[in-house]
């Protein structure tokens, strides 16, 4: 079992940057695929990015490709989401999720593929 805690959210102007962190408890963190999702007010939760257990493979939603970078430090039990060139439409609650899955982008973009979720961190981008 793993417990996830996000941090790093806040208020930023359009064009700015933020780095989110997802820190996990447990010694088996390196066996989990970890992803970021976000949910804006009145909208469904949507996939943002995912990273493989080793960190060697990553996959992004088209809406963030080229602006966001996901990375992980298994020694620190942490996954990061570096967000650059932020836009007002990036405003949402960002949550990380983990699962002991084989790599499949078809499955990893689905919220139902994950057993563990953090509580979320608010990101607000002002215009």
C-alpha atoms as a PDB file:
ATOM      1  CA  UNK A   1       0.000   0.000   0.000  1.00  0.00           C
ATOM      2  CA  UNK A   2       1.142   3.558  -0.680  1.00  0.00           C
ATOM      3  CA  UNK A   3       0.057   6.936   0.670  1.00  0.00           C
ATOM      4  CA  UNK A   4       0.459   9.918  -1.663  1.00  0.00           C
ATOM      5  CA  UNK A   5       0.804  13.590  -0.710  1.00  0.00           C
ATOM      6  CA  UNK A   6       0.950  16.411  -3.265  1.00  0.00           C
ATOM      7  CA  UNK A   7       2.533  19.811  -2.737  1.00  0.00           C
ATOM      8  CA  UNK A   8       3.712  22.803  -4.711  1.00  0.00           C
ATOM      9  CA  UNK A   9       0.446  24.252  -5.940  1.00  0.00           C
ATOM     10  CA  UNK A  10      -0.349  27.942  -5.790  1.00  0.00           C
ATOM     11  CA  UNK A  11      -1.269  31.072  -7.706  1.00  0.00           C
ATOM     12  CA  UNK A  12       0.828  32.069 -10.701  1.00  0.00           C
ATOM     13  CA  UNK A  13       0.452  34.465 -13.614  1.00  0.00           C
ATOM     14  CA  UNK A  14       0.002  33.200 -17.139  1.00  0.00           C
ATOM     15  CA  UNK A  15       3.362  32.310 -18.640  1.00  0.00           C
ATOM     16  CA  UNK A  16       4.786  31.407 -15.258  1.00  0.00           C
ATOM     17  CA  UNK A  17       5.990  28.106 -13.839  1.00  0.00           C
ATOM     18  CA  UNK A  18       5.285  25.802 -10.923  1.00  0.00           C
ATOM     19  CA  UNK A  19       6.707  22.483  -9.825  1.00  0.00           C
ATOM     20  CA  UNK A  20       4.404  20.003  -8.160  1.00  0.00           C
ATOM     21  CA  UNK A  21       5.642  17.156  -6.000  1.00  0.00           C
ATOM     22  CA  UNK A  22       3.983  13.858  -5.190  1.00  0.00           C
ATOM     23  CA  UNK A  23       5.657  12.165  -2.240  1.00  0.00           C
ATOM     24  CA  UNK A  24       4.829   8.604  -1.306  1.00  0.00           C
ATOM     25  CA  UNK A  25       5.194   6.489   1.767  1.00  0.00           C
ATOM     26  CA  UNK A  26       6.277   2.892   1.542  1.00  0.00           C
ATOM     27  CA  UNK A  27       9.358   1.045   0.411  1.00  0.00           C
ATOM     28  CA  UNK A  28       7.798  -0.249  -2.809  1.00  0.00           C
ATOM     29  CA  UNK A  29       7.305   3.125  -4.475  1.00  0.00           C
ATOM     30  CA  UNK A  30       9.671   2.202  -7.299  1.00  0.00           C
ATOM     31  CA  UNK A  31       7.276  -0.548  -8.369  1.00  0.00           C
ATOM     32  CA  UNK A  32       4.446   1.894  -9.098  1.00  0.00           C
ATOM     33  CA  UNK A  33       3.563   3.766 -12.242  1.00  0.00           C
ATOM     34  CA  UNK A  34       2.689   7.305 -11.150  1.00  0.00           C
ATOM     35  CA  UNK A  35       0.498   9.765 -13.018  1.00  0.00           C
ATOM     36  CA  UNK A  36      -0.863  13.259 -12.664  1.00  0.00           C
ATOM     37  CA  UNK A  37      -4.485  14.115 -13.270  1.00  0.00           C
ATOM     38  CA  UNK A  38      -6.319  17.400 -12.917  1.00  0.00           C
ATOM     39  CA  UNK A  39      -9.879  18.505 -12.372  1.00  0.00           C
ATOM     40  CA  UNK A  40     -11.177  21.971 -13.140  1.00  0.00           C
ATOM     41  CA  UNK A  41     -14.431  23.264 -11.621  1.00  0.00           C
ATOM     42  CA  UNK A  42     -17.434  21.725 -13.332  1.00  0.00           C
ATOM     43  CA  UNK A  43     -15.309  19.375 -15.411  1.00  0.00           C
ATOM     44  CA  UNK A  44     -14.326  15.748 -15.221  1.00  0.00           C
ATOM     45  CA  UNK A  45     -10.931  14.699 -13.985  1.00  0.00           C
ATOM     46  CA  UNK A  46      -8.508  14.461 -16.894  1.00  0.00           C
ATOM     47  CA  UNK A  47      -5.162  12.816 -17.495  1.00  0.00           C
ATOM     48  CA  UNK A  48      -2.067  15.032 -17.571  1.00  0.00           C
ATOM     49  CA  UNK A  49       1.074  12.875 -17.559  1.00  0.00           C
ATOM     50  CA  UNK A  50       2.418   9.511 -16.490  1.00  0.00           C
ATOM     51  CA  UNK A  51       5.834   8.018 -15.814  1.00  0.00           C
ATOM     52  CA  UNK A  52       7.036   4.438 -15.701  1.00  0.00           C
ATOM     53  CA  UNK A  53       8.435   2.718 -12.624  1.00  0.00           C
ATOM     54  CA  UNK A  54      12.059   3.401 -13.593  1.00  0.00           C
ATOM     55  CA  UNK A  55      11.351   6.860 -14.974  1.00  0.00           C
ATOM     56  CA  UNK A  56      12.560   5.855 -18.399  1.00  0.00           C
ATOM     57  CA  UNK A  57       9.222   6.269 -20.167  1.00  0.00           C
ATOM     58  CA  UNK A  58       6.732   9.107 -19.929  1.00  0.00           C
ATOM     59  CA  UNK A  59       3.549  10.080 -21.723  1.00  0.00           C
ATOM     60  CA  UNK A  60       1.628  13.353 -21.842  1.00  0.00           C
ATOM     61  CA  UNK A  61      -1.765  14.683 -22.725  1.00  0.00           C
ATOM     62  CA  UNK A  62      -1.664  16.733 -25.918  1.00  0.00           C
ATOM     63  CA  UNK A  63      -2.784  19.809 -24.009  1.00  0.00           C
ATOM     64  CA  UNK A  64       0.407  19.896 -21.914  1.00  0.00           C
ATOM     65  CA  UNK A  65       2.960  18.337 -24.250  1.00  0.00           C
ATOM     66  CA  UNK A  66       6.008  20.553 -24.614  1.00  0.00           C
ATOM     67  CA  UNK A  67       5.100  22.614 -21.538  1.00  0.00           C
ATOM     68  CA  UNK A  68       4.988  20.062 -18.692  1.00  0.00           C
ATOM     69  CA  UNK A  69       7.654  17.549 -17.704  1.00  0.00           C
ATOM     70  CA  UNK A  70       7.128  14.590 -15.392  1.00  0.00           C
ATOM     71  CA  UNK A  71      10.084  13.054 -13.576  1.00  0.00           C
ATOM     72  CA  UNK A  72      10.744  10.897 -10.542  1.00  0.00           C
ATOM     73  CA  UNK A  73      13.351  10.295  -7.883  1.00  0.00           C
ATOM     74  CA  UNK A  74      12.786   6.832  -6.481  1.00  0.00           C
ATOM     75  CA  UNK A  75      15.396   7.365  -3.763  1.00  0.00           C
ATOM     76  CA  UNK A  76      13.239  10.235  -2.495  1.00  0.00           C
ATOM     77  CA  UNK A  77       9.925   8.461  -3.174  1.00  0.00           C
ATOM     78  CA  UNK A  78       8.853  11.510  -5.170  1.00  0.00           C
ATOM     79  CA  UNK A  79       7.400  12.262  -8.583  1.00  0.00           C
ATOM     80  CA  UNK A  80       7.548  15.804  -9.930  1.00  0.00           C
ATOM     81  CA  UNK A  81       5.522  17.733 -12.458  1.00  0.00           C
ATOM     82  CA  UNK A  82       7.358  20.758 -13.817  1.00  0.00           C
ATOM     83  CA  UNK A  83       4.816  23.083 -15.396  1.00  0.00           C
ATOM     84  CA  UNK A  84       6.062  25.881 -17.652  1.00  0.00           C
ATOM     85  CA  UNK A  85       4.267  28.415 -19.843  1.00  0.00           C
ATOM     86  CA  UNK A  86       1.176  28.053 -17.728  1.00  0.00           C
ATOM     87  CA  UNK A  87      -2.171  29.134 -19.134  1.00  0.00           C
ATOM     88  CA  UNK A  88      -5.415  30.086 -17.378  1.00  0.00           C
ATOM     89  CA  UNK A  89      -6.938  26.869 -18.708  1.00  0.00           C
ATOM     90  CA  UNK A  90      -4.399  24.913 -16.646  1.00  0.00           C
ATOM     91  CA  UNK A  91      -6.236  26.045 -13.508  1.00  0.00           C
ATOM     92  CA  UNK A  92      -7.381  22.928 -11.645  1.00  0.00           C
ATOM     93  CA  UNK A  93      -6.832  20.688  -8.659  1.00  0.00           C
ATOM     94  CA  UNK A  94      -3.892  18.462  -9.553  1.00  0.00           C
ATOM     95  CA  UNK A  95      -3.742  14.972  -8.078  1.00  0.00           C
ATOM     96  CA  UNK A  96      -1.223  12.195  -8.359  1.00  0.00           C
ATOM     97  CA  UNK A  97      -2.164   8.553  -8.619  1.00  0.00           C
ATOM     98  CA  UNK A  98      -0.223   5.305  -8.416  1.00  0.00           C
ATOM     99  CA  UNK A  99      -0.714   1.775  -9.551  1.00  0.00           C
ATOM    100  CA  UNK A 100       1.370  -1.363  -9.963  1.00  0.00           C
ATOM    101  CA  UNK A 101       0.528  -1.621 -13.646  1.00  0.00           C
ATOM    102  CA  UNK A 102       2.308  -2.751 -16.716  1.00  0.00           C
ATOM    103  CA  UNK A 103       2.984   0.102 -19.076  1.00  0.00           C
ATOM    104  CA  UNK A 104      -0.038   0.761 -21.254  1.00  0.00           C
ATOM    105  CA  UNK A 105      -0.870   4.316 -22.250  1.00  0.00           C
ATOM    106  CA  UNK A 106      -4.351   3.186 -23.243  1.00  0.00           C
ATOM    107  CA  UNK A 107      -5.020   2.166 -19.654  1.00  0.00           C
ATOM    108  CA  UNK A 108      -2.932   4.679 -17.778  1.00  0.00           C
ATOM    109  CA  UNK A 109      -4.980   7.655 -19.013  1.00  0.00           C
ATOM    110  CA  UNK A 110      -8.043   6.261 -17.244  1.00  0.00           C
ATOM    111  CA  UNK A 111      -8.818   7.257 -13.650  1.00  0.00           C
ATOM    112  CA  UNK A 112     -10.193   3.763 -13.047  1.00  0.00           C
ATOM    113  CA  UNK A 113      -6.739   2.237 -13.552  1.00  0.00           C
ATOM    114  CA  UNK A 114      -5.412   3.544 -10.234  1.00  0.00           C
ATOM    115  CA  UNK A 115      -5.687   2.147  -6.744  1.00  0.00           C
ATOM    116  CA  UNK A 116      -4.084   5.039  -4.875  1.00  0.00           C
ATOM    117  CA  UNK A 117      -4.703   8.786  -5.021  1.00  0.00           C
ATOM    118  CA  UNK A 118      -3.428  11.843  -3.233  1.00  0.00           C
ATOM    119  CA  UNK A 119      -5.663  14.580  -1.865  1.00  0.00           C
ATOM    120  CA  UNK A 120      -4.756  17.088  -4.577  1.00  0.00           C
ATOM    121  CA  UNK A 121      -3.164  20.520  -4.731  1.00  0.00           C
ATOM    122  CA  UNK A 122      -4.741  23.642  -6.227  1.00  0.00           C
ATOM    123  CA  UNK A 123      -3.093  25.376  -9.177  1.00  0.00           C
ATOM    124  CA  UNK A 124      -4.533  28.730 -10.221  1.00  0.00           C
ATOM    125  CA  UNK A 125      -3.237  30.582 -13.262  1.00  0.00           C
ATOM    126  CA  UNK A 126      -4.312  34.197 -13.589  1.00  0.00           C
ATOM    127  CA  UNK A 127      -4.553  35.965 -16.928  1.00  0.00           C
END
